Amino acid sequence: MADQVALRSRPGWALSNKFLVPLFLLLIAGIAVRFLAHYALPYFRFNPNYFQEYWPHRARLVFHICGGILALCCGPFQFWTGLRQKAMGLHRWTGRLYLVGVGVGTTGAFLMAVFTQPRNLGVALMVMATVWILCTATAYGAIIRGLVPMHKEWMMRSYIVTFGFVTFRFIDELPIAARLLGSYADRSANIAWLCWFVPLFAFEMILQARRIWSADRPA
């Protein structure tokens, strides 16, 4: 119809995606492995010095970490086009495991947010957990209804929030973070917002820009 906008298929994008997506997934996997080795897995030694103020609430924190690890590891399999085309059963099972991981991770995050100090950090964690479960639930609802393109978009949003815990550590390690984001307490709360909001906003801008660029003018 004349009043509708049609999207053109661009072979160049398809060709670039064939190579860029695997490279991007390898990069994400490498960053995730570093995060797990340096920050997440040491919690399973159950050393009170490593837990610090979270030691009295270690069960909640470990529950959250277990869910996060599962979601972090299963997420890249959802974006591997070759796997989805050749082994749909594995794609579906890793998707189910991803849902379990997000469910466990968000539950642990809510339980942690209740006692986390300062309170502004607790609120930031609670909002992040809410966005995490809502994005994942929307992705699941879309695939149940057979809306594959919508499912892919919301899975990307969900994994951006999943990866937010990795992004949190990355930002916190930046030397400039201590100067710009204040004291440790203020910095933690600020990063808890930045680690998912900025990447999610950037994703939306790129997604909408691609749609605008690919759209034919209505006749």
N, C-alpha and C. Protein backbone atom coordinates (compact mmCIF):
# COMPACT_ATOMS: atom_id res chain seq x y z
N MET A 1 0.85 -1.19 0.00
CA MET A 1 0.00 0.00 0.00
C MET A 1 0.88 1.24 0.00
N ALA A 2 0.30 2.34 -0.53
CA ALA A 2 1.09 3.55 -0.69
C ALA A 2 1.49 4.16 0.63
N ASP A 3 0.67 3.97 1.67
CA ASP A 3 0.94 4.63 2.94
C ASP A 3 1.80 3.78 3.85
N GLN A 4 2.31 2.69 3.36
CA GLN A 4 3.15 1.83 4.17
C GLN A 4 4.60 1.96 3.72
N VAL A 5 5.50 1.67 4.64
CA VAL A 5 6.92 1.78 4.34
C VAL A 5 7.48 0.39 4.11
N ALA A 6 8.09 0.19 2.97
CA ALA A 6 8.66 -1.11 2.65
C ALA A 6 10.15 -1.09 2.93
N LEU A 7 10.67 -2.21 3.44
CA LEU A 7 12.08 -2.33 3.74
C LEU A 7 12.78 -3.05 2.60
N ARG A 8 13.89 -2.48 2.13
CA ARG A 8 14.64 -3.10 1.05
C ARG A 8 15.63 -4.10 1.62
N SER A 9 15.83 -5.16 0.88
CA SER A 9 16.84 -6.15 1.27
C SER A 9 18.19 -5.70 0.74
N ARG A 10 19.19 -5.64 1.60
CA ARG A 10 20.51 -5.17 1.20
C ARG A 10 21.50 -6.32 1.28
N PRO A 11 21.94 -6.89 0.13
CA PRO A 11 22.87 -8.02 0.13
C PRO A 11 24.18 -7.69 0.85
N GLY A 12 24.61 -6.43 0.76
CA GLY A 12 25.85 -6.04 1.43
C GLY A 12 25.78 -6.25 2.92
N TRP A 13 24.65 -5.91 3.52
CA TRP A 13 24.48 -6.10 4.95
C TRP A 13 24.49 -7.58 5.29
N ALA A 14 23.82 -8.39 4.47
CA ALA A 14 23.78 -9.82 4.74
C ALA A 14 25.18 -10.42 4.69
N LEU A 15 25.99 -9.95 3.71
CA LEU A 15 27.35 -10.47 3.58
C LEU A 15 28.21 -10.06 4.77
N SER A 16 28.08 -8.79 5.17
CA SER A 16 28.88 -8.32 6.30
C SER A 16 28.47 -9.00 7.59
N ASN A 17 27.16 -9.22 7.76
CA ASN A 17 26.69 -9.88 8.96
C ASN A 17 27.22 -11.31 9.07
N LYS A 18 27.43 -11.96 7.91
CA LYS A 18 27.91 -13.33 7.89
C LYS A 18 29.26 -13.45 8.58
N PHE A 19 30.07 -12.39 8.48
CA PHE A 19 31.40 -12.42 9.07
C PHE A 19 31.46 -11.64 10.38
N LEU A 20 30.73 -10.54 10.46
CA LEU A 20 30.82 -9.69 11.64
C LEU A 20 30.16 -10.32 12.86
N VAL A 21 29.03 -10.98 12.66
CA VAL A 21 28.32 -11.56 13.80
C VAL A 21 29.15 -12.62 14.51
N PRO A 22 29.76 -13.61 13.79
CA PRO A 22 30.61 -14.57 14.49
C PRO A 22 31.78 -13.93 15.23
N LEU A 23 32.41 -12.92 14.60
CA LEU A 23 33.51 -12.23 15.26
C LEU A 23 33.04 -11.51 16.51
N PHE A 24 31.87 -10.90 16.41
CA PHE A 24 31.31 -10.19 17.56
C PHE A 24 30.98 -11.17 18.69
N LEU A 25 30.42 -12.33 18.33
CA LEU A 25 30.09 -13.33 19.34
C LEU A 25 31.35 -13.87 20.01
N LEU A 26 32.43 -14.05 19.24
CA LEU A 26 33.69 -14.49 19.82
C LEU A 26 34.24 -13.45 20.78
N LEU A 27 34.11 -12.18 20.42
CA LEU A 27 34.55 -11.11 21.30
C LEU A 27 33.75 -11.10 22.60
N ILE A 28 32.44 -11.23 22.47
CA ILE A 28 31.57 -11.27 23.64
C ILE A 28 31.92 -12.46 24.53
N ALA A 29 32.14 -13.62 23.90
CA ALA A 29 32.48 -14.82 24.67
C ALA A 29 33.80 -14.63 25.41
N GLY A 30 34.78 -14.01 24.76
CA GLY A 30 36.07 -13.78 25.40
C GLY A 30 35.95 -12.86 26.60
N ILE A 31 35.19 -11.79 26.44
CA ILE A 31 34.98 -10.85 27.56
C ILE A 31 34.24 -11.54 28.70
N ALA A 32 33.24 -12.35 28.35
CA ALA A 32 32.46 -13.06 29.37
C ALA A 32 33.33 -14.04 30.14
N VAL A 33 34.21 -14.76 29.42
CA VAL A 33 35.10 -15.73 30.09
C VAL A 33 36.03 -15.01 31.06
N ARG A 34 36.55 -13.87 30.65
CA ARG A 34 37.41 -13.10 31.55
C ARG A 34 36.65 -12.66 32.79
N PHE A 35 35.41 -12.20 32.60
CA PHE A 35 34.59 -11.78 33.73
C PHE A 35 34.34 -12.95 34.69
N LEU A 36 34.00 -14.10 34.13
CA LEU A 36 33.72 -15.26 34.98
C LEU A 36 34.96 -15.68 35.77
N ALA A 37 36.12 -15.70 35.10
CA ALA A 37 37.34 -16.15 35.76
C ALA A 37 37.80 -15.19 36.84
N HIS A 38 37.66 -13.90 36.58
CA HIS A 38 38.21 -12.90 37.51
C HIS A 38 37.24 -12.47 38.60
N TYR A 39 35.94 -12.53 38.33
CA TYR A 39 34.99 -11.96 39.27
C TYR A 39 33.94 -12.94 39.79
N ALA A 40 33.37 -13.76 38.92
CA ALA A 40 32.24 -14.60 39.33
C ALA A 40 32.68 -15.90 40.01
N LEU A 41 33.55 -16.66 39.36
CA LEU A 41 33.92 -17.98 39.88
C LEU A 41 34.63 -17.92 41.24
N PRO A 42 35.43 -16.89 41.54
CA PRO A 42 36.05 -16.85 42.87
C PRO A 42 35.06 -16.86 44.04
N TYR A 43 33.81 -16.48 43.79
CA TYR A 43 32.81 -16.52 44.88
C TYR A 43 32.57 -17.95 45.35
N PHE A 44 32.80 -18.92 44.48
CA PHE A 44 32.53 -20.31 44.83
C PHE A 44 33.61 -20.92 45.72
N ARG A 45 34.63 -20.13 46.04
CA ARG A 45 35.59 -20.55 47.06
C ARG A 45 35.03 -20.31 48.46
N PHE A 46 34.00 -19.48 48.53
CA PHE A 46 33.33 -19.13 49.79
C PHE A 46 34.33 -18.61 50.82
N ASN A 47 35.13 -17.65 50.35
CA ASN A 47 36.06 -16.95 51.22
C ASN A 47 35.39 -15.69 51.74
N PRO A 48 35.23 -15.56 53.06
CA PRO A 48 34.55 -14.38 53.62
C PRO A 48 35.20 -13.06 53.19
N ASN A 49 36.51 -13.06 52.99
CA ASN A 49 37.20 -11.84 52.59
C ASN A 49 36.81 -11.40 51.18
N TYR A 50 36.49 -12.37 50.33
CA TYR A 50 36.08 -12.03 48.96
C TYR A 50 34.64 -11.51 48.95
N PHE A 51 33.79 -12.11 49.76
CA PHE A 51 32.39 -11.66 49.83
C PHE A 51 32.26 -10.31 50.51
N GLN A 52 33.15 -10.01 51.45
CA GLN A 52 33.13 -8.78 52.22
C GLN A 52 31.78 -8.58 52.91
N GLU A 53 31.12 -7.45 52.67
CA GLU A 53 29.87 -7.17 53.38
C GLU A 53 28.72 -8.09 52.95
N TYR A 54 28.90 -8.82 51.85
CA TYR A 54 27.84 -9.72 51.38
C TYR A 54 27.94 -11.12 52.00
N TRP A 55 28.92 -11.35 52.85
CA TRP A 55 29.09 -12.68 53.43
C TRP A 55 27.84 -13.15 54.19
N PRO A 56 27.19 -12.32 54.99
CA PRO A 56 25.97 -12.80 55.69
C PRO A 56 24.85 -13.16 54.72
N HIS A 57 24.91 -12.64 53.50
CA HIS A 57 23.85 -12.89 52.51
C HIS A 57 24.41 -13.69 51.33
N ARG A 58 25.40 -14.52 51.59
CA ARG A 58 26.11 -15.22 50.52
C ARG A 58 25.20 -16.15 49.71
N ALA A 59 24.20 -16.74 50.36
CA ALA A 59 23.31 -17.65 49.64
C ALA A 59 22.54 -16.91 48.54
N ARG A 60 22.07 -15.72 48.86
CA ARG A 60 21.33 -14.93 47.86
C ARG A 60 22.26 -14.51 46.71
N LEU A 61 23.47 -14.09 47.09
CA LEU A 61 24.40 -13.65 46.06
C LEU A 61 24.80 -14.80 45.15
N VAL A 62 25.10 -15.95 45.71
CA VAL A 62 25.49 -17.11 44.90
C VAL A 62 24.32 -17.57 44.03
N PHE A 63 23.11 -17.49 44.54
CA PHE A 63 21.92 -17.83 43.75
C PHE A 63 21.84 -16.92 42.53
N HIS A 64 22.06 -15.64 42.75
CA HIS A 64 22.05 -14.67 41.66
C HIS A 64 23.17 -14.94 40.66
N ILE A 65 24.36 -15.24 41.17
CA ILE A 65 25.51 -15.50 40.30
C ILE A 65 25.28 -16.74 39.45
N CYS A 66 24.73 -17.79 40.03
CA CYS A 66 24.46 -19.02 39.27
C CYS A 66 23.53 -18.75 38.10
N GLY A 67 22.46 -18.00 38.35
CA GLY A 67 21.54 -17.66 37.26
C GLY A 67 22.20 -16.80 36.21
N GLY A 68 23.00 -15.83 36.66
CA GLY A 68 23.69 -14.96 35.71
C GLY A 68 24.67 -15.70 34.85
N ILE A 69 25.43 -16.63 35.44
CA ILE A 69 26.40 -17.42 34.68
C ILE A 69 25.68 -18.25 33.61
N LEU A 70 24.58 -18.88 33.99
CA LEU A 70 23.84 -19.71 33.05
C LEU A 70 23.32 -18.87 31.88
N ALA A 71 22.74 -17.72 32.18
CA ALA A 71 22.23 -16.85 31.11
C ALA A 71 23.36 -16.30 30.26
N LEU A 72 24.45 -15.92 30.89
CA LEU A 72 25.59 -15.35 30.17
C LEU A 72 26.19 -16.36 29.19
N CYS A 73 26.25 -17.62 29.60
CA CYS A 73 26.84 -18.67 28.75
C CYS A 73 25.89 -19.14 27.66
N CYS A 74 24.61 -19.16 27.93
CA CYS A 74 23.63 -19.65 26.95
C CYS A 74 23.25 -18.60 25.92
N GLY A 75 23.39 -17.32 26.29
CA GLY A 75 22.95 -16.24 25.41
C GLY A 75 23.56 -16.27 24.02
N PRO A 76 24.90 -16.38 23.88
CA PRO A 76 25.48 -16.34 22.53
C PRO A 76 24.95 -17.42 21.59
N PHE A 77 24.55 -18.57 22.12
CA PHE A 77 24.00 -19.63 21.27
C PHE A 77 22.69 -19.20 20.61
N GLN A 78 22.00 -18.24 21.22
CA GLN A 78 20.74 -17.77 20.64
C GLN A 78 20.96 -16.90 19.41
N PHE A 79 22.17 -16.35 19.29
CA PHE A 79 22.45 -15.45 18.16
C PHE A 79 23.31 -16.10 17.09
N TRP A 80 23.66 -17.35 17.29
CA TRP A 80 24.48 -18.11 16.33
C TRP A 80 23.57 -18.66 15.24
N THR A 81 23.53 -17.96 14.11
CA THR A 81 22.62 -18.32 13.02
C THR A 81 22.88 -19.73 12.50
N GLY A 82 24.15 -20.10 12.37
CA GLY A 82 24.47 -21.43 11.87
C GLY A 82 23.94 -22.53 12.76
N LEU A 83 24.03 -22.33 14.06
CA LEU A 83 23.50 -23.32 15.00
C LEU A 83 21.99 -23.40 14.89
N ARG A 84 21.36 -22.25 14.78
CA ARG A 84 19.90 -22.22 14.70
C ARG A 84 19.41 -22.92 13.45
N GLN A 85 20.16 -22.81 12.35
CA GLN A 85 19.75 -23.43 11.09
C GLN A 85 20.02 -24.92 11.07
N LYS A 86 21.10 -25.37 11.73
CA LYS A 86 21.50 -26.77 11.64
C LYS A 86 21.07 -27.60 12.85
N ALA A 87 20.84 -26.96 13.97
CA ALA A 87 20.50 -27.70 15.20
C ALA A 87 19.46 -26.92 15.98
N MET A 88 18.26 -26.87 15.45
CA MET A 88 17.20 -26.10 16.08
C MET A 88 16.88 -26.63 17.47
N GLY A 89 17.00 -27.96 17.67
CA GLY A 89 16.73 -28.53 18.98
C GLY A 89 17.68 -27.97 20.04
N LEU A 90 18.97 -27.88 19.70
CA LEU A 90 19.95 -27.32 20.63
C LEU A 90 19.67 -25.84 20.88
N HIS A 91 19.28 -25.14 19.82
CA HIS A 91 18.93 -23.72 19.96
C HIS A 91 17.78 -23.55 20.95
N ARG A 92 16.78 -24.40 20.84
CA ARG A 92 15.63 -24.29 21.73
C ARG A 92 15.99 -24.63 23.18
N TRP A 93 16.84 -25.65 23.36
CA TRP A 93 17.21 -26.04 24.72
C TRP A 93 18.11 -25.01 25.39
N THR A 94 19.02 -24.42 24.63
CA THR A 94 19.82 -23.35 25.21
C THR A 94 18.95 -22.14 25.52
N GLY A 95 17.91 -21.94 24.71
CA GLY A 95 16.95 -20.87 24.98
C GLY A 95 16.20 -21.11 26.27
N ARG A 96 15.79 -22.36 26.50
CA ARG A 96 15.09 -22.69 27.75
C ARG A 96 16.02 -22.51 28.95
N LEU A 97 17.28 -22.94 28.79
CA LEU A 97 18.24 -22.76 29.87
C LEU A 97 18.49 -21.28 30.13
N TYR A 98 18.48 -20.48 29.07
CA TYR A 98 18.63 -19.04 29.22
C TYR A 98 17.48 -18.47 30.06
N LEU A 99 16.27 -18.92 29.77
CA LEU A 99 15.11 -18.47 30.54
C LEU A 99 15.26 -18.83 32.02
N VAL A 100 15.71 -20.05 32.28
CA VAL A 100 15.93 -20.48 33.67
C VAL A 100 16.98 -19.60 34.33
N GLY A 101 18.07 -19.33 33.60
CA GLY A 101 19.13 -18.50 34.15
C GLY A 101 18.65 -17.10 34.50
N VAL A 102 17.88 -16.51 33.60
CA VAL A 102 17.35 -15.16 33.87
C VAL A 102 16.38 -15.19 35.05
N GLY A 103 15.54 -16.22 35.11
CA GLY A 103 14.61 -16.33 36.23
C GLY A 103 15.33 -16.44 37.56
N VAL A 104 16.36 -17.29 37.61
CA VAL A 104 17.14 -17.44 38.85
C VAL A 104 17.92 -16.17 39.15
N GLY A 105 18.54 -15.60 38.11
CA GLY A 105 19.34 -14.40 38.30
C GLY A 105 18.54 -13.22 38.79
N THR A 106 17.36 -13.00 38.23
CA THR A 106 16.53 -11.88 38.67
C THR A 106 16.00 -12.11 40.08
N THR A 107 15.65 -13.34 40.40
CA THR A 107 15.20 -13.63 41.77
C THR A 107 16.29 -13.31 42.77
N GLY A 108 17.51 -13.75 42.47
CA GLY A 108 18.62 -13.44 43.35
C GLY A 108 18.90 -11.95 43.43
N ALA A 109 18.75 -11.25 42.29
CA ALA A 109 18.98 -9.81 42.28
C ALA A 109 17.97 -9.08 43.15
N PHE A 110 16.70 -9.47 43.06
CA PHE A 110 15.68 -8.85 43.91
C PHE A 110 15.96 -9.12 45.39
N LEU A 111 16.38 -10.34 45.71
CA LEU A 111 16.68 -10.67 47.10
C LEU A 111 17.88 -9.87 47.60
N MET A 112 18.85 -9.64 46.73
CA MET A 112 20.01 -8.84 47.11
C MET A 112 19.65 -7.37 47.27
N ALA A 113 18.80 -6.87 46.38
CA ALA A 113 18.47 -5.44 46.39
C ALA A 113 17.79 -5.03 47.68
N VAL A 114 17.14 -5.97 48.34
CA VAL A 114 16.42 -5.65 49.58
C VAL A 114 17.36 -5.15 50.65
N PHE A 115 18.57 -5.72 50.74
CA PHE A 115 19.49 -5.35 51.82
C PHE A 115 20.70 -4.56 51.35
N THR A 116 20.84 -4.37 50.04
CA THR A 116 22.03 -3.70 49.51
C THR A 116 22.11 -2.26 49.99
N GLN A 117 23.29 -1.88 50.42
CA GLN A 117 23.59 -0.50 50.81
C GLN A 117 24.69 0.05 49.91
N PRO A 118 24.60 1.33 49.55
CA PRO A 118 23.54 2.30 49.89
C PRO A 118 22.24 1.98 49.17
N ARG A 119 21.17 2.58 49.64
CA ARG A 119 19.85 2.24 49.12
C ARG A 119 19.69 2.61 47.66
N ASN A 120 20.37 3.67 47.20
CA ASN A 120 20.25 4.02 45.77
C ASN A 120 20.84 2.93 44.88
N LEU A 121 21.85 2.21 45.38
CA LEU A 121 22.37 1.07 44.64
C LEU A 121 21.35 -0.06 44.62
N GLY A 122 20.67 -0.29 45.75
CA GLY A 122 19.64 -1.31 45.80
C GLY A 122 18.51 -1.04 44.83
N VAL A 123 18.11 0.23 44.73
CA VAL A 123 17.05 0.61 43.79
C VAL A 123 17.51 0.40 42.35
N ALA A 124 18.76 0.77 42.06
CA ALA A 124 19.30 0.58 40.71
C ALA A 124 19.32 -0.89 40.33
N LEU A 125 19.71 -1.75 41.26
CA LEU A 125 19.73 -3.19 40.99
C LEU A 125 18.32 -3.74 40.77
N MET A 126 17.37 -3.23 41.55
CA MET A 126 15.99 -3.69 41.41
C MET A 126 15.42 -3.30 40.05
N VAL A 127 15.71 -2.08 39.60
CA VAL A 127 15.23 -1.63 38.29
C VAL A 127 15.89 -2.45 37.18
N MET A 128 17.18 -2.69 37.32
CA MET A 128 17.90 -3.49 36.32
C MET A 128 17.33 -4.90 36.23
N ALA A 129 17.05 -5.51 37.37
CA ALA A 129 16.46 -6.85 37.39
C ALA A 129 15.08 -6.86 36.75
N THR A 130 14.31 -5.79 36.98
CA THR A 130 12.96 -5.69 36.40
C THR A 130 13.04 -5.60 34.88
N VAL A 131 13.94 -4.75 34.38
CA VAL A 131 14.11 -4.62 32.93
C VAL A 131 14.59 -5.95 32.34
N TRP A 132 15.46 -6.63 33.05
CA TRP A 132 16.01 -7.92 32.60
C TRP A 132 14.91 -8.95 32.39
N ILE A 133 14.05 -9.11 33.39
CA ILE A 133 13.00 -10.14 33.29
C ILE A 133 11.92 -9.72 32.29
N LEU A 134 11.63 -8.43 32.18
CA LEU A 134 10.60 -7.97 31.24
C LEU A 134 11.06 -8.15 29.79
N CYS A 135 12.31 -7.82 29.50
CA CYS A 135 12.83 -8.02 28.14
C CYS A 135 12.81 -9.50 27.77
N THR A 136 13.21 -10.34 28.73
CA THR A 136 13.25 -11.78 28.47
C THR A 136 11.84 -12.34 28.29
N ALA A 137 10.92 -11.90 29.12
CA ALA A 137 9.53 -12.37 29.01
C ALA A 137 8.91 -11.94 27.68
N THR A 138 9.24 -10.73 27.22
CA THR A 138 8.72 -10.26 25.94
C THR A 138 9.28 -11.10 24.79
N ALA A 139 10.57 -11.42 24.86
CA ALA A 139 11.18 -12.27 23.84
C ALA A 139 10.52 -13.64 23.81
N TYR A 140 10.26 -14.20 24.97
CA TYR A 140 9.62 -15.51 25.05
C TYR A 140 8.19 -15.45 24.51
N GLY A 141 7.46 -14.41 24.90
CA GLY A 141 6.09 -14.26 24.41
C GLY A 141 6.04 -14.11 22.90
N ALA A 142 7.03 -13.42 22.34
CA ALA A 142 7.06 -13.22 20.88
C ALA A 142 7.27 -14.54 20.15
N ILE A 143 8.18 -15.39 20.65
CA ILE A 143 8.43 -16.64 19.95
C ILE A 143 7.29 -17.61 20.12
N ILE A 144 6.59 -17.55 21.24
CA ILE A 144 5.42 -18.39 21.44
C ILE A 144 4.34 -18.07 20.41
N ARG A 145 4.26 -16.78 20.04
CA ARG A 145 3.29 -16.35 19.04
C ARG A 145 3.83 -16.46 17.62
N GLY A 146 5.05 -16.96 17.46
CA GLY A 146 5.63 -17.11 16.13
C GLY A 146 6.16 -15.83 15.53
N LEU A 147 6.39 -14.81 16.34
CA LEU A 147 6.90 -13.53 15.86
C LEU A 147 8.43 -13.54 15.95
N VAL A 148 9.04 -14.21 14.98
CA VAL A 148 10.49 -14.44 15.05
C VAL A 148 11.30 -13.16 15.02
N PRO A 149 11.05 -12.20 14.11
CA PRO A 149 11.85 -10.96 14.12
C PRO A 149 11.75 -10.22 15.45
N MET A 150 10.54 -10.15 16.00
CA MET A 150 10.38 -9.49 17.30
C MET A 150 11.12 -10.24 18.39
N HIS A 151 11.06 -11.58 18.32
CA HIS A 151 11.77 -12.41 19.29
C HIS A 151 13.26 -12.11 19.27
N LYS A 152 13.84 -12.01 18.08
CA LYS A 152 15.27 -11.75 17.96
C LYS A 152 15.64 -10.40 18.58
N GLU A 153 14.82 -9.38 18.28
CA GLU A 153 15.12 -8.05 18.81
C GLU A 153 15.07 -8.04 20.33
N TRP A 154 14.05 -8.68 20.92
CA TRP A 154 13.92 -8.65 22.36
C TRP A 154 14.93 -9.55 23.04
N MET A 155 15.39 -10.61 22.34
CA MET A 155 16.47 -11.41 22.90
C MET A 155 17.76 -10.60 22.96
N MET A 156 17.98 -9.78 21.97
CA MET A 156 19.16 -8.92 21.99
C MET A 156 19.07 -7.92 23.14
N ARG A 157 17.89 -7.36 23.34
CA ARG A 157 17.72 -6.44 24.47
C ARG A 157 17.95 -7.17 25.79
N SER A 158 17.41 -8.37 25.89
CA SER A 158 17.57 -9.14 27.11
C SER A 158 19.04 -9.43 27.39
N TYR A 159 19.78 -9.81 26.35
CA TYR A 159 21.18 -10.17 26.57
C TYR A 159 22.04 -8.95 26.84
N ILE A 160 21.65 -7.80 26.32
CA ILE A 160 22.34 -6.56 26.66
C ILE A 160 22.26 -6.32 28.17
N VAL A 161 21.09 -6.55 28.74
CA VAL A 161 20.94 -6.39 30.19
C VAL A 161 21.69 -7.50 30.93
N THR A 162 21.63 -8.73 30.41
CA THR A 162 22.41 -9.83 30.99
C THR A 162 23.88 -9.46 31.05
N PHE A 163 24.38 -8.91 29.96
CA PHE A 163 25.79 -8.53 29.87
C PHE A 163 26.10 -7.30 30.71
N GLY A 164 25.06 -6.66 31.22
CA GLY A 164 25.25 -5.47 32.04
C GLY A 164 26.13 -5.73 33.26
N PHE A 165 26.08 -6.94 33.79
CA PHE A 165 26.91 -7.27 34.95
C PHE A 165 28.38 -7.31 34.58
N VAL A 166 28.67 -7.71 33.33
CA VAL A 166 30.03 -7.67 32.82
C VAL A 166 30.43 -6.22 32.56
N THR A 167 29.52 -5.46 31.95
CA THR A 167 29.78 -4.06 31.65
C THR A 167 30.02 -3.27 32.93
N PHE A 168 29.31 -3.63 34.00
CA PHE A 168 29.50 -2.98 35.30
C PHE A 168 30.97 -3.05 35.71
N ARG A 169 31.54 -4.25 35.66
CA ARG A 169 32.93 -4.42 36.07
C ARG A 169 33.88 -3.67 35.13
N PHE A 170 33.55 -3.69 33.84
CA PHE A 170 34.40 -3.01 32.86
C PHE A 170 34.46 -1.52 33.15
N ILE A 171 33.30 -0.90 33.38
CA ILE A 171 33.27 0.53 33.68
C ILE A 171 33.98 0.83 34.99
N ASP A 172 33.75 -0.02 35.98
CA ASP A 172 34.33 0.20 37.30
C ASP A 172 35.86 0.15 37.26
N GLU A 173 36.42 -0.62 36.32
CA GLU A 173 37.87 -0.74 36.20
C GLU A 173 38.50 0.46 35.50
N LEU A 174 37.70 1.26 34.81
CA LEU A 174 38.25 2.40 34.09
C LEU A 174 38.80 3.43 35.07
N PRO A 175 40.01 3.90 34.88
CA PRO A 175 40.58 4.89 35.80
C PRO A 175 39.75 6.17 35.91
N ILE A 176 39.11 6.52 34.81
CA ILE A 176 38.33 7.76 34.80
C ILE A 176 37.04 7.65 35.62
N ALA A 177 36.59 6.40 35.86
CA ALA A 177 35.33 6.21 36.57
C ALA A 177 35.39 6.77 37.98
N ALA A 178 36.51 6.58 38.67
CA ALA A 178 36.64 7.08 40.04
C ALA A 178 36.61 8.59 40.08
N ARG A 179 37.11 9.24 39.05
CA ARG A 179 37.15 10.71 39.02
C ARG A 179 35.79 11.30 38.65
N LEU A 180 35.09 10.65 37.72
CA LEU A 180 33.84 11.22 37.23
C LEU A 180 32.62 10.81 38.04
N LEU A 181 32.64 9.61 38.63
CA LEU A 181 31.43 9.06 39.24
C LEU A 181 31.43 9.12 40.76
N GLY A 182 32.39 9.79 41.35
CA GLY A 182 32.33 10.05 42.79
C GLY A 182 32.90 8.94 43.65
N SER A 183 32.45 8.91 44.89
CA SER A 183 32.91 7.93 45.87
C SER A 183 32.51 6.52 45.44
N TYR A 184 33.03 5.52 46.17
CA TYR A 184 32.73 4.14 45.81
C TYR A 184 31.22 3.87 45.85
N ALA A 185 30.55 4.38 46.87
CA ALA A 185 29.11 4.16 46.99
C ALA A 185 28.35 4.82 45.84
N ASP A 186 28.68 6.09 45.56
CA ASP A 186 28.02 6.79 44.46
C ASP A 186 28.38 6.17 43.12
N ARG A 187 29.64 5.78 42.98
CA ARG A 187 30.09 5.19 41.72
C ARG A 187 29.36 3.89 41.43
N SER A 188 29.18 3.06 42.43
CA SER A 188 28.50 1.78 42.23
C SER A 188 27.06 1.98 41.78
N ALA A 189 26.37 2.93 42.40
CA ALA A 189 24.98 3.20 42.02
C ALA A 189 24.90 3.77 40.61
N ASN A 190 25.81 4.68 40.29
CA ASN A 190 25.80 5.28 38.95
C ASN A 190 26.09 4.23 37.87
N ILE A 191 27.06 3.38 38.13
CA ILE A 191 27.42 2.35 37.15
C ILE A 191 26.29 1.34 36.99
N ALA A 192 25.56 1.07 38.08
CA ALA A 192 24.44 0.13 38.01
C ALA A 192 23.36 0.62 37.05
N TRP A 193 23.28 1.91 36.84
CA TRP A 193 22.37 2.45 35.82
C TRP A 193 23.03 2.46 34.44
N LEU A 194 24.27 2.93 34.39
CA LEU A 194 24.95 3.09 33.10
C LEU A 194 25.20 1.77 32.39
N CYS A 195 25.46 0.70 33.15
CA CYS A 195 25.92 -0.56 32.55
C CYS A 195 24.88 -1.21 31.64
N TRP A 196 23.61 -0.89 31.83
CA TRP A 196 22.60 -1.48 30.94
C TRP A 196 21.85 -0.41 30.15
N PHE A 197 21.67 0.78 30.74
CA PHE A 197 20.87 1.79 30.06
C PHE A 197 21.58 2.31 28.81
N VAL A 198 22.86 2.64 28.92
CA VAL A 198 23.59 3.19 27.78
C VAL A 198 23.70 2.18 26.63
N PRO A 199 24.10 0.91 26.88
CA PRO A 199 24.13 -0.06 25.77
C PRO A 199 22.75 -0.31 25.17
N LEU A 200 21.72 -0.33 26.00
CA LEU A 200 20.37 -0.57 25.48
C LEU A 200 19.90 0.61 24.64
N PHE A 201 20.22 1.81 25.07
CA PHE A 201 19.87 3.00 24.30
C PHE A 201 20.62 3.02 22.97
N ALA A 202 21.91 2.64 23.01
CA ALA A 202 22.70 2.60 21.78
C ALA A 202 22.13 1.57 20.80
N PHE A 203 21.71 0.42 21.32
CA PHE A 203 21.10 -0.60 20.47
C PHE A 203 19.84 -0.07 19.80
N GLU A 204 19.00 0.62 20.56
CA GLU A 204 17.76 1.16 19.99
C GLU A 204 18.06 2.19 18.91
N MET A 205 19.05 3.03 19.13
CA MET A 205 19.39 4.04 18.14
C MET A 205 19.90 3.38 16.85
N ILE A 206 20.74 2.36 16.99
CA ILE A 206 21.26 1.65 15.80
C ILE A 206 20.13 0.94 15.07
N LEU A 207 19.26 0.28 15.83
CA LEU A 207 18.14 -0.45 15.23
C LEU A 207 17.23 0.48 14.45
N GLN A 208 16.87 1.60 15.05
CA GLN A 208 15.96 2.54 14.37
C GLN A 208 16.65 3.23 13.20
N ALA A 209 17.95 3.51 13.33
CA ALA A 209 18.68 4.13 12.22
C ALA A 209 18.73 3.20 11.01
N ARG A 210 18.93 1.90 11.26
CA ARG A 210 18.95 0.94 10.16
C ARG A 210 17.59 0.86 9.49
N ARG A 211 16.53 0.92 10.28
CA ARG A 211 15.18 0.88 9.70
C ARG A 211 14.92 2.13 8.85
N ILE A 212 15.35 3.28 9.34
CA ILE A 212 15.14 4.51 8.60
C ILE A 212 15.96 4.49 7.29
N TRP A 213 17.20 4.02 7.39
CA TRP A 213 18.08 3.98 6.23
C TRP A 213 17.59 2.99 5.18
N SER A 214 16.97 1.89 5.62
CA SER A 214 16.54 0.84 4.70
C SER A 214 15.15 1.09 4.11
N ALA A 215 14.44 2.05 4.64
CA ALA A 215 13.04 2.23 4.26
C ALA A 215 12.91 3.00 2.94
N ASP A 216 12.02 2.54 2.09
CA ASP A 216 11.65 3.30 0.89
C ASP A 216 10.69 4.39 1.28
N ARG A 217 10.78 5.49 0.59
CA ARG A 217 9.82 6.57 0.83
C ARG A 217 8.44 6.13 0.38
N PRO A 218 7.40 6.46 1.19
CA PRO A 218 6.05 6.08 0.76
C PRO A 218 5.67 6.81 -0.52
N ALA A 219 5.01 6.12 -1.40
CA ALA A 219 4.62 6.73 -2.69
C ALA A 219 3.51 7.73 -2.47
